[in-house]
Amino acid sequence: MMIIRDHLVRHPDRCTHQAICVPVCPTGAWLSTPPYKFDPSRCLESCRLCLDACPSQAIYGVFKKGEKLLEPQKKTG
């Protein structure tokens, strides 16, 4: 069974509002005014530009295997 990205999440406590995610998005999925909301219908499945550009790692993907959402792994230690 394939694992696919279901949607992206912006973590509000980590976001520094530098808006680096806005200009790197090729489809304009990130709105250019705070709180930088996201339109998932415009997102490209395989694109990671906003995730890689975010200096505070405030954006992360939520993945799905079949119908089950996979929880992000929590860092320990």
PDB file of N, CA and C in Angstrom:
ATOM      1  N   MET A   1       0.839  -1.171   0.000  1.00  0.00           N
ATOM      2  CA  MET A   1       0.000   0.000   0.000  1.00  0.00           C
ATOM      3  C   MET A   1       0.896   1.252   0.000  1.00  0.00           C
ATOM      4  N   MET A   2       0.556   2.187  -0.853  1.00  0.00           N
ATOM      5  CA  MET A   2       1.385   3.390  -0.987  1.00  0.00           C
ATOM      6  C   MET A   2       1.129   4.394   0.134  1.00  0.00           C
ATOM      7  N   ILE A   3       2.204   5.105   0.486  1.00  0.00           N
ATOM      8  CA  ILE A   3       2.088   6.216   1.417  1.00  0.00           C
ATOM      9  C   ILE A   3       2.096   7.490   0.586  1.00  0.00           C
ATOM     10  N   ILE A   4       1.095   8.335   0.770  1.00  0.00           N
ATOM     11  CA  ILE A   4       1.009   9.590   0.026  1.00  0.00           C
ATOM     12  C   ILE A   4       0.851  10.755   1.003  1.00  0.00           C
ATOM     13  N   ARG A   5       1.270  11.930   0.562  1.00  0.00           N
ATOM     14  CA  ARG A   5       1.085  13.119   1.392  1.00  0.00           C
ATOM     15  C   ARG A   5      -0.369  13.545   1.292  1.00  0.00           C
ATOM     16  N   ASP A   6      -1.024  13.692   2.434  1.00  0.00           N
ATOM     17  CA  ASP A   6      -2.424  14.083   2.472  1.00  0.00           C
ATOM     18  C   ASP A   6      -2.582  15.606   2.489  1.00  0.00           C
ATOM     19  N   HIS A   7      -1.828  16.274   3.354  1.00  0.00           N
ATOM     20  CA  HIS A   7      -1.919  17.732   3.438  1.00  0.00           C
ATOM     21  C   HIS A   7      -0.705  18.285   4.185  1.00  0.00           C
ATOM     22  N   LEU A   8      -0.573  19.608   4.174  1.00  0.00           N
ATOM     23  CA  LEU A   8       0.491  20.287   4.912  1.00  0.00           C
ATOM     24  C   LEU A   8      -0.102  21.018   6.106  1.00  0.00           C
ATOM     25  N   VAL A   9       0.718  21.185   7.126  1.00  0.00           N
ATOM     26  CA  VAL A   9       0.302  21.897   8.328  1.00  0.00           C
ATOM     27  C   VAL A   9       1.367  22.942   8.653  1.00  0.00           C
ATOM     28  N   ARG A  10       0.914  24.137   9.011  1.00  0.00           N
ATOM     29  CA  ARG A  10       1.826  25.177   9.500  1.00  0.00           C
ATOM     30  C   ARG A  10       1.665  25.235  11.008  1.00  0.00           C
ATOM     31  N   HIS A  11       2.740  24.980  11.720  1.00  0.00           N
ATOM     32  CA  HIS A  11       2.711  24.978  13.180  1.00  0.00           C
ATOM     33  C   HIS A  11       2.763  26.430  13.661  1.00  0.00           C
ATOM     34  N   PRO A  12       1.672  26.954  14.251  1.00  0.00           N
ATOM     35  CA  PRO A  12       1.630  28.377  14.589  1.00  0.00           C
ATOM     36  C   PRO A  12       2.656  28.812  15.633  1.00  0.00           C
ATOM     37  N   ASP A  13       3.059  27.917  16.517  1.00  0.00           N
ATOM     38  CA  ASP A  13       4.038  28.283  17.536  1.00  0.00           C
ATOM     39  C   ASP A  13       5.456  28.348  16.991  1.00  0.00           C
ATOM     40  N   ARG A  14       5.704  27.680  15.888  1.00  0.00           N
ATOM     41  CA  ARG A  14       7.045  27.693  15.284  1.00  0.00           C
ATOM     42  C   ARG A  14       7.204  28.756  14.209  1.00  0.00           C
ATOM     43  N   CYS A  15       6.104  29.159  13.587  1.00  0.00           N
ATOM     44  CA  CYS A  15       6.169  30.100  12.467  1.00  0.00           C
ATOM     45  C   CYS A  15       6.690  31.453  12.940  1.00  0.00           C
ATOM     46  N   THR A  16       7.721  31.953  12.262  1.00  0.00           N
ATOM     47  CA  THR A  16       8.318  33.251  12.602  1.00  0.00           C
ATOM     48  C   THR A  16       7.777  34.365  11.717  1.00  0.00           C
ATOM     49  N   HIS A  17       6.846  34.039  10.838  1.00  0.00           N
ATOM     50  CA  HIS A  17       6.188  35.002   9.947  1.00  0.00           C
ATOM     51  C   HIS A  17       7.169  35.736   9.032  1.00  0.00           C
ATOM     52  N   GLN A  18       8.223  35.045   8.620  1.00  0.00           N
ATOM     53  CA  GLN A  18       9.154  35.604   7.642  1.00  0.00           C
ATOM     54  C   GLN A  18       8.600  35.456   6.234  1.00  0.00           C
ATOM     55  N   ALA A  19       7.590  34.629   6.077  1.00  0.00           N
ATOM     56  CA  ALA A  19       6.877  34.419   4.816  1.00  0.00           C
ATOM     57  C   ALA A  19       7.769  33.935   3.671  1.00  0.00           C
ATOM     58  N   ILE A  20       8.787  33.187   3.999  1.00  0.00           N
ATOM     59  CA  ILE A  20       9.656  32.612   2.961  1.00  0.00           C
ATOM     60  C   ILE A  20       8.887  31.578   2.145  1.00  0.00           C
ATOM     61  N   CYS A  21       7.881  30.970   2.747  1.00  0.00           N
ATOM     62  CA  CYS A  21       7.078  29.956   2.058  1.00  0.00           C
ATOM     63  C   CYS A  21       6.253  30.553   0.920  1.00  0.00           C
ATOM     64  N   VAL A  22       5.902  31.814   1.020  1.00  0.00           N
ATOM     65  CA  VAL A  22       5.003  32.432   0.036  1.00  0.00           C
ATOM     66  C   VAL A  22       5.647  32.556  -1.352  1.00  0.00           C
ATOM     67  N   PRO A  23       6.815  33.196  -1.496  1.00  0.00           N
ATOM     68  CA  PRO A  23       7.351  33.366  -2.852  1.00  0.00           C
ATOM     69  C   PRO A  23       7.913  32.094  -3.483  1.00  0.00           C
ATOM     70  N   VAL A  24       8.272  31.080  -2.675  1.00  0.00           N
ATOM     71  CA  VAL A  24       8.833  29.866  -3.268  1.00  0.00           C
ATOM     72  C   VAL A  24       7.763  28.925  -3.808  1.00  0.00           C
ATOM     73  N   CYS A  25       6.514  29.139  -3.424  1.00  0.00           N
ATOM     74  CA  CYS A  25       5.435  28.249  -3.861  1.00  0.00           C
ATOM     75  C   CYS A  25       5.092  28.510  -5.326  1.00  0.00           C
ATOM     76  N   PRO A  26       5.248  27.503  -6.195  1.00  0.00           N
ATOM     77  CA  PRO A  26       4.996  27.711  -7.618  1.00  0.00           C
ATOM     78  C   PRO A  26       3.510  27.854  -7.977  1.00  0.00           C
ATOM     79  N   THR A  27       2.616  27.475  -7.063  1.00  0.00           N
ATOM     80  CA  THR A  27       1.185  27.534  -7.366  1.00  0.00           C
ATOM     81  C   THR A  27       0.437  28.608  -6.585  1.00  0.00           C
ATOM     82  N   GLY A  28       1.127  29.315  -5.682  1.00  0.00           N
ATOM     83  CA  GLY A  28       0.463  30.329  -4.869  1.00  0.00           C
ATOM     84  C   GLY A  28      -0.460  29.737  -3.820  1.00  0.00           C
ATOM     85  N   ALA A  29      -0.124  28.539  -3.332  1.00  0.00           N
ATOM     86  CA  ALA A  29      -0.972  27.883  -2.333  1.00  0.00           C
ATOM     87  C   ALA A  29      -0.931  28.592  -0.976  1.00  0.00           C
ATOM     88  N   TRP A  30       0.173  29.289  -0.684  1.00  0.00           N
ATOM     89  CA  TRP A  30       0.277  30.037   0.573  1.00  0.00           C
ATOM     90  C   TRP A  30      -0.210  31.455   0.343  1.00  0.00           C
ATOM     91  N   LEU A  31      -1.148  31.900   1.168  1.00  0.00           N
ATOM     92  CA  LEU A  31      -1.649  33.269   1.067  1.00  0.00           C
ATOM     93  C   LEU A  31      -0.611  34.222   1.642  1.00  0.00           C
ATOM     94  N   SER A  32      -0.478  35.385   1.035  1.00  0.00           N
ATOM     95  CA  SER A  32       0.641  36.274   1.358  1.00  0.00           C
ATOM     96  C   SER A  32       0.411  37.226   2.525  1.00  0.00           C
ATOM     97  N   THR A  33      -0.630  37.014   3.297  1.00  0.00           N
ATOM     98  CA  THR A  33      -0.849  37.858   4.473  1.00  0.00           C
ATOM     99  C   THR A  33      -0.975  36.983   5.711  1.00  0.00           C
ATOM    100  N   PRO A  34      -0.481  37.468   6.853  1.00  0.00           N
ATOM    101  CA  PRO A  34      -0.604  36.675   8.084  1.00  0.00           C
ATOM    102  C   PRO A  34      -2.063  36.334   8.349  1.00  0.00           C
ATOM    103  N   PRO A  35      -2.360  35.165   8.849  1.00  0.00           N
ATOM    104  CA  PRO A  35      -1.479  34.129   9.371  1.00  0.00           C
ATOM    105  C   PRO A  35      -0.988  33.133   8.331  1.00  0.00           C
ATOM    106  N   TYR A  36      -0.815  33.542   7.097  1.00  0.00           N
ATOM    107  CA  TYR A  36      -0.266  32.704   6.025  1.00  0.00           C
ATOM    108  C   TYR A  36      -1.019  31.386   5.892  1.00  0.00           C
ATOM    109  N   LYS A  37      -2.291  31.501   5.626  1.00  0.00           N
ATOM    110  CA  LYS A  37      -3.124  30.311   5.441  1.00  0.00           C
ATOM    111  C   LYS A  37      -2.739  29.600   4.153  1.00  0.00           C
ATOM    112  N   PHE A  38      -3.150  28.372   4.068  1.00  0.00           N
ATOM    113  CA  PHE A  38      -2.724  27.478   3.011  1.00  0.00           C
ATOM    114  C   PHE A  38      -3.939  26.908   2.286  1.00  0.00           C
ATOM    115  N   ASP A  39      -3.903  26.919   0.957  1.00  0.00           N
ATOM    116  CA  ASP A  39      -4.968  26.340   0.140  1.00  0.00           C
ATOM    117  C   ASP A  39      -4.487  24.996  -0.397  1.00  0.00           C
ATOM    118  N   PRO A  40      -4.876  23.888   0.247  1.00  0.00           N
ATOM    119  CA  PRO A  40      -4.364  22.578  -0.156  1.00  0.00           C
ATOM    120  C   PRO A  40      -4.766  22.162  -1.560  1.00  0.00           C
ATOM    121  N   SER A  41      -5.821  22.718  -2.094  1.00  0.00           N
ATOM    122  CA  SER A  41      -6.244  22.336  -3.445  1.00  0.00           C
ATOM    123  C   SER A  41      -5.258  22.822  -4.508  1.00  0.00           C
ATOM    124  N   ARG A  42      -4.405  23.783  -4.166  1.00  0.00           N
ATOM    125  CA  ARG A  42      -3.420  24.300  -5.120  1.00  0.00           C
ATOM    126  C   ARG A  42      -2.031  23.669  -4.947  1.00  0.00           C
ATOM    127  N   CYS A  43      -1.878  22.837  -3.939  1.00  0.00           N
ATOM    128  CA  CYS A  43      -0.575  22.245  -3.623  1.00  0.00           C
ATOM    129  C   CYS A  43      -0.254  21.089  -4.575  1.00  0.00           C
ATOM    130  N   LEU A  44       1.015  20.984  -4.960  1.00  0.00           N
ATOM    131  CA  LEU A  44       1.486  19.880  -5.795  1.00  0.00           C
ATOM    132  C   LEU A  44       1.983  18.753  -4.889  1.00  0.00           C
ATOM    133  N   GLU A  45       1.523  17.558  -5.137  1.00  0.00           N
ATOM    134  CA  GLU A  45       1.826  16.399  -4.292  1.00  0.00           C
ATOM    135  C   GLU A  45       3.319  16.211  -4.009  1.00  0.00           C
ATOM    136  N   SER A  46       4.141  16.304  -5.033  1.00  0.00           N
ATOM    137  CA  SER A  46       5.556  15.987  -4.854  1.00  0.00           C
ATOM    138  C   SER A  46       6.419  17.205  -4.522  1.00  0.00           C
ATOM    139  N   CYS A  47       5.833  18.369  -4.445  1.00  0.00           N
ATOM    140  CA  CYS A  47       6.605  19.590  -4.180  1.00  0.00           C
ATOM    141  C   CYS A  47       6.927  19.703  -2.692  1.00  0.00           C
ATOM    142  N   ARG A  48       8.144  20.130  -2.388  1.00  0.00           N
ATOM    143  CA  ARG A  48       8.576  20.323  -0.999  1.00  0.00           C
ATOM    144  C   ARG A  48       9.213  21.693  -0.813  1.00  0.00           C
ATOM    145  N   LEU A  49       9.033  22.585  -1.759  1.00  0.00           N
ATOM    146  CA  LEU A  49       9.763  23.850  -1.712  1.00  0.00           C
ATOM    147  C   LEU A  49       9.506  24.627  -0.427  1.00  0.00           C
ATOM    148  N   CYS A  50       8.264  24.725   0.014  1.00  0.00           N
ATOM    149  CA  CYS A  50       7.978  25.494   1.229  1.00  0.00           C
ATOM    150  C   CYS A  50       8.538  24.791   2.467  1.00  0.00           C
ATOM    151  N   LEU A  51       8.461  23.461   2.504  1.00  0.00           N
ATOM    152  CA  LEU A  51       9.008  22.725   3.644  1.00  0.00           C
ATOM    153  C   LEU A  51      10.510  22.949   3.757  1.00  0.00           C
ATOM    154  N   ASP A  52      11.203  22.871   2.633  1.00  0.00           N
ATOM    155  CA  ASP A  52      12.657  23.041   2.640  1.00  0.00           C
ATOM    156  C   ASP A  52      13.074  24.495   2.892  1.00  0.00           C
ATOM    157  N   ALA A  53      12.242  25.453   2.497  1.00  0.00           N
ATOM    158  CA  ALA A  53      12.600  26.869   2.645  1.00  0.00           C
ATOM    159  C   ALA A  53      12.349  27.410   4.044  1.00  0.00           C
ATOM    160  N   CYS A  54      11.449  26.807   4.788  1.00  0.00           N
ATOM    161  CA  CYS A  54      11.066  27.339   6.097  1.00  0.00           C
ATOM    162  C   CYS A  54      12.215  27.227   7.092  1.00  0.00           C
ATOM    163  N   PRO A  55      12.749  28.378   7.569  1.00  0.00           N
ATOM    164  CA  PRO A  55      13.905  28.324   8.461  1.00  0.00           C
ATOM    165  C   PRO A  55      13.575  27.785   9.854  1.00  0.00           C
ATOM    166  N   SER A  56      12.321  27.834  10.258  1.00  0.00           N
ATOM    167  CA  SER A  56      11.951  27.368  11.596  1.00  0.00           C
ATOM    168  C   SER A  56      11.264  26.003  11.584  1.00  0.00           C
ATOM    169  N   GLN A  57      11.224  25.364  10.421  1.00  0.00           N
ATOM    170  CA  GLN A  57      10.599  24.047  10.250  1.00  0.00           C
ATOM    171  C   GLN A  57       9.169  24.037  10.790  1.00  0.00           C
ATOM    172  N   ALA A  58       8.437  25.114  10.481  1.00  0.00           N
ATOM    173  CA  ALA A  58       7.060  25.249  10.951  1.00  0.00           C
ATOM    174  C   ALA A  58       6.065  24.552  10.036  1.00  0.00           C
ATOM    175  N   ILE A  59       6.497  24.103   8.869  1.00  0.00           N
ATOM    176  CA  ILE A  59       5.609  23.434   7.921  1.00  0.00           C
ATOM    177  C   ILE A  59       5.995  21.957   7.861  1.00  0.00           C
ATOM    178  N   TYR A  60       4.998  21.110   7.986  1.00  0.00           N
ATOM    179  CA  TYR A  60       5.289  19.680   7.860  1.00  0.00           C
ATOM    180  C   TYR A  60       4.151  18.982   7.143  1.00  0.00           C
ATOM    181  N   GLY A  61       4.463  17.862   6.552  1.00  0.00           N
ATOM    182  CA  GLY A  61       3.488  17.084   5.811  1.00  0.00           C
ATOM    183  C   GLY A  61       2.819  16.051   6.689  1.00  0.00           C
ATOM    184  N   VAL A  62       1.545  15.813   6.430  1.00  0.00           N
ATOM    185  CA  VAL A  62       0.809  14.724   7.074  1.00  0.00           C
ATOM    186  C   VAL A  62       0.552  13.702   5.980  1.00  0.00           C
ATOM    187  N   PHE A  63       0.919  12.469   6.258  1.00  0.00           N
ATOM    188  CA  PHE A  63       0.860  11.418   5.251  1.00  0.00           C
ATOM    189  C   PHE A  63      -0.255  10.433   5.547  1.00  0.00           C
ATOM    190  N   LYS A  64      -0.623   9.691   4.516  1.00  0.00           N
ATOM    191  CA  LYS A  64      -1.718   8.737   4.616  1.00  0.00           C
ATOM    192  C   LYS A  64      -1.285   7.429   3.959  1.00  0.00           C
ATOM    193  N   LYS A  65      -1.627   6.328   4.619  1.00  0.00           N
ATOM    194  CA  LYS A  65      -1.409   4.992   4.063  1.00  0.00           C
ATOM    195  C   LYS A  65      -2.775   4.355   3.950  1.00  0.00           C
ATOM    196  N   GLY A  66      -3.263   4.232   2.723  1.00  0.00           N
ATOM    197  CA  GLY A  66      -4.644   3.798   2.523  1.00  0.00           C
ATOM    198  C   GLY A  66      -5.570   4.895   3.036  1.00  0.00           C
ATOM    199  N   GLU A  67      -6.430   4.553   3.974  1.00  0.00           N
ATOM    200  CA  GLU A  67      -7.337   5.537   4.577  1.00  0.00           C
ATOM    201  C   GLU A  67      -6.838   6.037   5.928  1.00  0.00           C
ATOM    202  N   LYS A  68      -5.704   5.519   6.393  1.00  0.00           N
ATOM    203  CA  LYS A  68      -5.201   5.852   7.722  1.00  0.00           C
ATOM    204  C   LYS A  68      -4.191   6.995   7.661  1.00  0.00           C
ATOM    205  N   LEU A  69      -4.450   8.067   8.445  1.00  0.00           N
ATOM    206  CA  LEU A  69      -3.484   9.162   8.557  1.00  0.00           C
ATOM    207  C   LEU A  69      -2.346   8.714   9.448  1.00  0.00           C
ATOM    208  N   LEU A  70      -1.122   9.021   9.046  1.00  0.00           N
ATOM    209  CA  LEU A  70       0.057   8.667   9.825  1.00  0.00           C
ATOM    210  C   LEU A  70       0.477   9.873  10.645  1.00  0.00           C
ATOM    211  N   GLU A  71       0.672   9.676  11.928  1.00  0.00           N
ATOM    212  CA  GLU A  71       1.070  10.762  12.821  1.00  0.00           C
ATOM    213  C   GLU A  71       2.546  11.091  12.611  1.00  0.00           C
ATOM    214  N   PRO A  72       2.901  12.401  12.708  1.00  0.00           N
ATOM    215  CA  PRO A  72       4.325  12.752  12.624  1.00  0.00           C
ATOM    216  C   PRO A  72       5.074  12.114  13.784  1.00  0.00           C
ATOM    217  N   GLN A  73       6.313  11.715  13.510  1.00  0.00           N
ATOM    218  CA  GLN A  73       7.121  11.113  14.565  1.00  0.00           C
ATOM    219  C   GLN A  73       7.564  12.200  15.533  1.00  0.00           C
ATOM    220  N   LYS A  74       7.495  11.870  16.815  1.00  0.00           N
ATOM    221  CA  LYS A  74       7.935  12.815  17.830  1.00  0.00           C
ATOM    222  C   LYS A  74       9.408  12.560  18.135  1.00  0.00           C
ATOM    223  N   LYS A  75      10.173  13.649  18.248  1.00  0.00           N
ATOM    224  CA  LYS A  75      11.589  13.510  18.571  1.00  0.00           C
ATOM    225  C   LYS A  75      11.730  13.241  20.061  1.00  0.00           C
ATOM    226  N   THR A  76      12.634  12.341  20.392  1.00  0.00           N
ATOM    227  CA  THR A  76      12.883  12.036  21.798  1.00  0.00           C
ATOM    228  C   THR A  76      14.299  12.418  22.146  1.00  0.00           C
ATOM    229  N   GLY A  77      14.495  12.678  23.429  1.00  0.00           N
ATOM    230  CA  GLY A  77      15.839  12.953  23.892  1.00  0.00           C
ATOM    231  C   GLY A  77      16.127  14.348  23.962  1.00  0.00           C
TER     232      GLY A  77
END
